[in-house]
Amino acid sequence: MEKILSTSEGSVNTNLIGSIDSDNIIVLVPGLNGSLEYFNEIIPYLKDKYTIVALDLLGQGKSAKAKNDHYTIDAEAWNMLEGIARLKITRNLVIFGYGVGGLIAVNMAELRGFTISKLILLNTPANDKYADMDASSAVASIPLFGKLAKSPVKSAKFFDKNFDRSSLKNPKIVDNAANMVDHKTSKMLQKMPLDYLEEKALNKRLRAVKIPTLALFADGDQILTENGIKDAKASIGRVPDLQIEDIKGAGHLAMLEKPEEIAQKIIEFDETTVKKEENSED
């Protein structure tokens, strides 16, 4: 059930599926110019195992714009945590984020690591050199009625070159999500990951939070690109308690293209890894 909740940064749109008293709760965090609807394909494969909380970022989807145009990874992460608290969820969380949403998931762990048991990152950049990946194809050059007009070519870049978007429940899901973000807000959102990773690279952040992490990379990702994937793997490959797995034949939005496979990897990782007790006092 979708519900918009008031927060200190504005308000956050949430979609809660299942009981808040469940021992297994997964939080789904979207990337730039996306929305919680990006998780509609994967939710059926997760709902038997987890209570699901999907959220829209500030300035995206049905969430409000940030107060005073305060768009940072920290502000987005805190807004996610505040929205979850408003739902009165107190159990340890598994956090899944794709693209820049993965950075927000890591920052949630930096802010309140004791509430998070696992992190799953999909096609997330590790260094500022590749942190503008979503901006590279997400923004059209000509605004349409103040919104972001996206061409079919640009939308196609979010998927593997061979993926048939007509197979999706909503083939225009990328266009619809981007057109809900105005041009000014999009520019500010795109700056967030650059600032975050310029301050500290992802490998150093993951070493500090000490939370079991699964990093998934799709070989057909035209947004992060082959070079961005190589950079990320090289950067975070030696982080303790971190596993890297490849997704074959999928692009940046692999959870839309191969939802069952991504869900299976999430569940398997969650069931076979344990968070160290020393982190519980953070």
Protein backbone atom coordinates (compact mmCIF):
# COMPACT_ATOMS: atom_id res chain seq x y z
CA MET A 1 0.00 0.00 0.00
CA GLU A 2 1.41 3.38 -1.02
CA LYS A 3 1.47 6.14 1.58
CA ILE A 4 3.09 9.58 1.67
CA LEU A 5 4.68 10.32 5.05
CA SER A 6 5.82 13.69 6.40
CA THR A 7 9.54 14.00 7.19
CA SER A 8 11.94 16.73 8.30
CA GLU A 9 13.24 17.05 4.73
CA GLY A 10 9.81 17.17 3.06
CA SER A 11 7.82 13.99 2.61
CA VAL A 12 8.49 10.52 1.31
CA ASN A 13 6.27 8.24 -0.76
CA THR A 14 6.39 4.67 0.53
CA ASN A 15 4.98 1.36 -0.62
CA LEU A 16 4.62 -1.16 2.21
CA ILE A 17 3.86 -4.77 1.33
CA GLY A 18 3.51 -7.15 4.27
CA SER A 19 3.55 -6.89 8.06
CA ILE A 20 5.77 -4.44 9.94
CA ASP A 21 6.23 -7.19 12.55
CA SER A 22 8.01 -9.52 10.13
CA ASP A 23 11.52 -10.69 11.01
CA ASN A 24 12.54 -10.26 7.36
CA ILE A 25 12.25 -6.74 5.96
CA ILE A 26 13.84 -5.47 2.75
CA VAL A 27 14.04 -1.81 1.77
CA LEU A 28 14.20 -0.93 -1.94
CA VAL A 29 15.92 2.34 -2.87
CA PRO A 30 15.73 3.74 -6.43
CA GLY A 31 18.45 5.52 -8.39
CA LEU A 32 18.36 8.92 -10.08
CA ASN A 33 15.32 9.92 -12.16
CA GLY A 34 13.63 6.69 -11.08
CA SER A 35 10.73 5.73 -8.86
CA LEU A 36 9.56 2.94 -6.59
CA GLU A 37 7.61 1.57 -9.57
CA TYR A 38 10.96 0.26 -10.86
CA PHE A 39 10.55 -2.51 -8.27
CA ASN A 40 7.17 -3.76 -9.49
CA GLU A 41 8.75 -6.59 -11.48
CA ILE A 42 10.90 -7.92 -8.63
CA ILE A 43 8.40 -7.57 -5.75
CA PRO A 44 6.47 -10.77 -6.63
CA TYR A 45 9.71 -12.75 -6.19
CA LEU A 46 10.52 -11.15 -2.82
CA LYS A 47 7.16 -10.87 -1.05
CA ASP A 48 6.99 -14.49 0.14
CA LYS A 49 10.29 -14.03 1.99
CA TYR A 50 10.16 -10.38 3.03
CA THR A 51 8.01 -7.52 4.10
CA ILE A 52 8.87 -4.95 1.43
CA VAL A 53 9.33 -1.21 1.83
CA ALA A 54 9.95 0.69 -1.42
CA LEU A 55 10.51 4.45 -1.33
CA ASP A 56 10.73 7.38 -3.73
CA LEU A 57 13.68 9.73 -3.33
CA LEU A 58 13.11 13.38 -2.50
CA GLY A 59 12.33 15.21 -5.73
CA GLN A 60 11.34 12.02 -7.56
CA GLY A 61 8.25 9.90 -7.99
CA LYS A 62 5.51 10.98 -5.59
CA SER A 63 7.85 12.23 -2.87
CA ALA A 64 8.05 15.96 -2.26
CA LYS A 65 10.92 18.16 -3.32
CA ALA A 66 13.56 18.65 -0.65
CA LYS A 67 13.12 21.63 1.63
CA ASN A 68 15.35 24.52 0.56
CA ASP A 69 16.56 22.41 -2.39
CA HIS A 70 18.67 20.36 0.04
CA TYR A 71 19.75 17.48 -2.21
CA THR A 72 22.63 15.39 -0.87
CA ILE A 73 23.16 11.66 -0.44
CA ASP A 74 23.01 12.27 3.31
CA ALA A 75 19.66 14.08 3.07
CA GLU A 76 18.18 11.36 0.85
CA ALA A 77 19.45 8.60 3.16
CA TRP A 78 18.11 10.30 6.28
CA ASN A 79 14.77 10.82 4.57
CA MET A 80 14.61 7.09 3.80
CA LEU A 81 15.39 6.23 7.42
CA GLU A 82 12.85 8.72 8.71
CA GLY A 83 10.17 7.30 6.42
CA ILE A 84 10.92 3.79 7.66
CA ALA A 85 10.71 5.01 11.27
CA ARG A 86 7.33 6.60 10.51
CA LEU A 87 6.14 3.12 9.51
CA LYS A 88 7.18 1.94 13.00
CA ILE A 89 9.55 -0.66 11.63
CA THR A 90 12.21 -1.58 14.19
CA ARG A 91 13.60 -4.86 12.85
CA ASN A 92 17.01 -5.13 11.18
CA LEU A 93 16.81 -4.30 7.51
CA VAL A 94 18.19 -5.62 4.26
CA ILE A 95 18.77 -2.62 1.97
CA PHE A 96 18.77 -2.95 -1.83
CA GLY A 97 19.72 0.01 -4.02
CA TYR A 98 20.54 0.26 -7.71
CA GLY A 99 22.84 2.82 -9.31
CA VAL A 100 23.08 5.91 -7.11
CA GLY A 101 20.45 4.29 -4.89
CA GLY A 102 23.25 1.94 -3.84
CA LEU A 103 25.21 4.92 -2.51
CA ILE A 104 22.15 6.05 -0.57
CA ALA A 105 21.87 2.53 0.88
CA VAL A 106 25.52 2.70 2.02
CA ASN A 107 24.94 6.11 3.58
CA MET A 108 21.91 4.72 5.43
CA ALA A 109 24.35 2.18 6.90
CA GLU A 110 26.77 4.97 7.79
CA LEU A 111 24.04 6.87 9.60
CA ARG A 112 22.32 3.95 11.38
CA GLY A 113 24.33 0.82 10.74
CA PHE A 114 23.01 -0.95 13.83
CA THR A 115 19.57 -1.19 12.14
CA ILE A 116 20.92 -2.74 8.91
CA SER A 117 21.96 -6.36 8.49
CA LYS A 118 22.84 -6.59 4.77
CA LEU A 119 23.50 -4.31 1.80
CA ILE A 120 22.85 -5.25 -1.83
CA LEU A 121 24.13 -2.85 -4.49
CA LEU A 122 23.26 -3.15 -8.17
CA ASN A 123 25.38 -1.34 -10.77
CA THR A 124 26.62 1.20 -8.23
CA PRO A 125 29.68 3.40 -8.96
CA ALA A 126 32.64 3.23 -6.59
CA ASN A 127 34.50 6.45 -7.43
CA ASP A 128 33.56 9.98 -8.46
CA LYS A 129 34.97 9.45 -11.99
CA TYR A 130 31.90 7.33 -12.82
CA ALA A 131 29.43 8.92 -10.42
CA ASP A 132 27.67 10.93 -13.12
CA MET A 133 26.57 7.72 -14.83
CA ASP A 134 22.85 8.31 -14.45
CA ALA A 135 23.19 11.82 -15.82
CA SER A 136 24.95 10.59 -18.96
CA SER A 137 21.77 9.31 -20.53
CA ALA A 138 18.94 10.30 -18.23
CA VAL A 139 18.49 13.93 -19.15
CA ALA A 140 17.17 15.06 -22.49
CA SER A 141 18.45 18.37 -23.84
CA ILE A 142 14.99 19.86 -24.34
CA PRO A 143 12.65 20.19 -21.35
CA LEU A 144 9.01 19.37 -22.02
CA PHE A 145 6.60 21.58 -20.06
CA GLY A 146 9.24 21.93 -17.37
CA LYS A 147 9.77 18.19 -17.08
CA LEU A 148 12.47 15.94 -18.49
CA ALA A 149 11.60 14.76 -21.97
CA LYS A 150 13.30 11.46 -22.70
CA SER A 151 13.73 9.98 -26.13
CA PRO A 152 13.30 6.24 -26.80
CA VAL A 153 17.03 6.09 -27.53
CA LYS A 154 17.93 7.51 -24.14
CA SER A 155 15.45 5.25 -22.36
CA ALA A 156 16.88 2.23 -24.15
CA LYS A 157 20.28 2.89 -22.60
CA PHE A 158 18.96 1.82 -19.22
CA PHE A 159 18.56 -1.73 -20.53
CA ASP A 160 20.69 -4.34 -22.22
CA LYS A 161 20.87 -3.74 -25.98
CA ASN A 162 18.96 -6.97 -26.64
CA PHE A 163 16.21 -6.47 -24.08
CA ASP A 164 12.63 -6.20 -25.35
CA ARG A 165 10.95 -3.49 -23.26
CA SER A 166 7.53 -4.48 -24.53
CA SER A 167 7.77 -7.48 -22.17
CA LEU A 168 7.54 -5.15 -19.15
CA LYS A 169 4.29 -4.46 -17.32
CA ASN A 170 4.94 -0.80 -18.18
CA PRO A 171 7.20 -0.45 -21.26
CA LYS A 172 7.41 3.34 -20.69
CA ILE A 173 8.40 3.09 -17.04
CA VAL A 174 11.73 4.90 -17.54
CA ASP A 175 10.14 7.77 -19.46
CA ASN A 176 7.31 8.12 -16.94
CA ALA A 177 9.65 8.25 -13.95
CA ALA A 178 11.98 10.80 -15.54
CA ASN A 179 9.10 13.04 -16.60
CA MET A 180 8.08 13.37 -12.93
CA VAL A 181 11.38 15.13 -12.15
CA ASP A 182 11.79 18.75 -13.18
CA HIS A 183 14.96 19.94 -14.87
CA LYS A 184 16.29 21.99 -11.95
CA THR A 185 15.78 19.17 -9.45
CA SER A 186 17.43 16.65 -11.77
CA LYS A 187 20.56 18.78 -12.03
CA MET A 188 20.83 18.93 -8.23
CA LEU A 189 20.21 15.20 -7.89
CA GLN A 190 22.98 14.44 -10.37
CA LYS A 191 25.47 16.37 -8.27
CA MET A 192 24.83 14.26 -5.14
CA PRO A 193 26.89 11.15 -6.04
CA LEU A 194 29.80 13.24 -7.33
CA ASP A 195 30.07 15.10 -4.04
CA TYR A 196 29.59 11.93 -1.98
CA LEU A 197 32.28 9.88 -3.69
CA GLU A 198 34.66 12.82 -4.07
CA GLU A 199 34.57 13.15 -0.28
CA LYS A 200 35.29 9.44 0.25
CA ALA A 201 35.41 6.51 -2.18
CA LEU A 202 32.99 3.61 -1.80
CA ASN A 203 35.60 1.07 -0.73
CA LYS A 204 36.57 3.19 2.30
CA ARG A 205 32.93 3.69 3.23
CA LEU A 206 32.15 -0.03 3.04
CA ARG A 207 35.22 -0.91 5.12
CA ALA A 208 34.01 1.49 7.80
CA VAL A 209 30.41 0.22 8.06
CA LYS A 210 31.44 -3.46 8.21
CA ILE A 211 28.14 -4.79 6.95
CA PRO A 212 27.91 -7.88 4.68
CA THR A 213 27.52 -6.52 1.15
CA LEU A 214 26.61 -8.06 -2.19
CA ALA A 215 27.65 -5.99 -5.21
CA LEU A 216 25.92 -7.01 -8.44
CA PHE A 217 27.08 -5.83 -11.85
CA ALA A 218 25.26 -6.38 -15.15
CA ASP A 219 27.47 -6.96 -18.18
CA GLY A 220 25.11 -5.00 -20.44
CA ASP A 221 25.00 -1.84 -18.32
CA GLN A 222 25.21 1.07 -20.76
CA ILE A 223 24.97 3.65 -17.96
CA LEU A 224 27.77 2.63 -15.59
CA THR A 225 29.57 1.27 -18.70
CA GLU A 226 32.18 -1.45 -18.96
CA ASN A 227 34.88 0.89 -17.66
CA GLY A 228 32.76 1.91 -14.68
CA ILE A 229 32.15 -1.72 -13.81
CA LYS A 230 35.87 -2.54 -14.03
CA ASP A 231 36.68 0.47 -11.84
CA ALA A 232 34.09 -0.53 -9.23
CA LYS A 233 35.21 -4.14 -9.08
CA ALA A 234 38.86 -3.15 -8.73
CA SER A 235 38.02 -0.59 -6.05
CA ILE A 236 35.76 -2.64 -3.77
CA GLY A 237 37.05 -6.12 -4.58
CA ARG A 238 39.15 -6.41 -1.42
CA VAL A 239 36.60 -5.03 1.02
CA PRO A 240 36.01 -7.60 3.80
CA ASP A 241 32.56 -9.24 3.94
CA LEU A 242 31.83 -8.18 0.36
CA GLN A 243 30.86 -10.46 -2.51
CA ILE A 244 30.78 -9.52 -6.19
CA GLU A 245 28.54 -11.30 -8.67
CA ASP A 246 27.86 -10.73 -12.37
CA ILE A 247 24.47 -10.59 -14.05
CA LYS A 248 24.69 -11.82 -17.63
CA GLY A 249 22.56 -10.32 -20.39
CA ALA A 250 21.11 -7.43 -18.39
CA GLY A 251 21.58 -3.69 -18.21
CA HIS A 252 21.47 -0.91 -15.63
CA LEU A 253 17.91 -1.78 -14.55
CA ALA A 254 18.63 -5.48 -14.24
CA MET A 255 15.90 -5.93 -11.62
CA LEU A 256 13.39 -5.08 -14.37
CA GLU A 257 15.01 -7.34 -16.94
CA LYS A 258 15.82 -10.33 -14.72
CA PRO A 259 13.75 -9.88 -11.56
CA GLU A 260 13.66 -13.54 -10.55
CA GLU A 261 17.42 -13.94 -10.87
CA ILE A 262 18.14 -10.77 -8.88
CA ALA A 263 15.64 -11.80 -6.19
CA GLN A 264 17.23 -15.25 -5.90
CA LYS A 265 20.68 -13.71 -5.45
CA ILE A 266 19.36 -11.36 -2.76
CA ILE A 267 17.69 -14.17 -0.84
CA GLU A 268 20.65 -16.54 -1.14
CA PHE A 269 23.07 -13.86 0.05
CA ASP A 270 20.83 -12.91 2.95
CA GLU A 271 20.42 -16.52 4.06
CA THR A 272 24.12 -17.42 3.84
CA THR A 273 25.79 -14.39 5.45
CA VAL A 274 25.80 -13.13 9.02
CA LYS A 275 26.55 -9.66 10.30
CA LYS A 276 29.32 -9.58 12.90
CA GLU A 277 28.21 -8.75 16.41
CA GLU A 278 30.93 -6.12 16.86
CA ASN A 279 29.04 -3.81 14.52
CA SER A 280 25.89 -3.85 16.67
CA GLU A 281 27.28 -1.20 19.00
CA ASP A 282 27.90 1.38 16.23
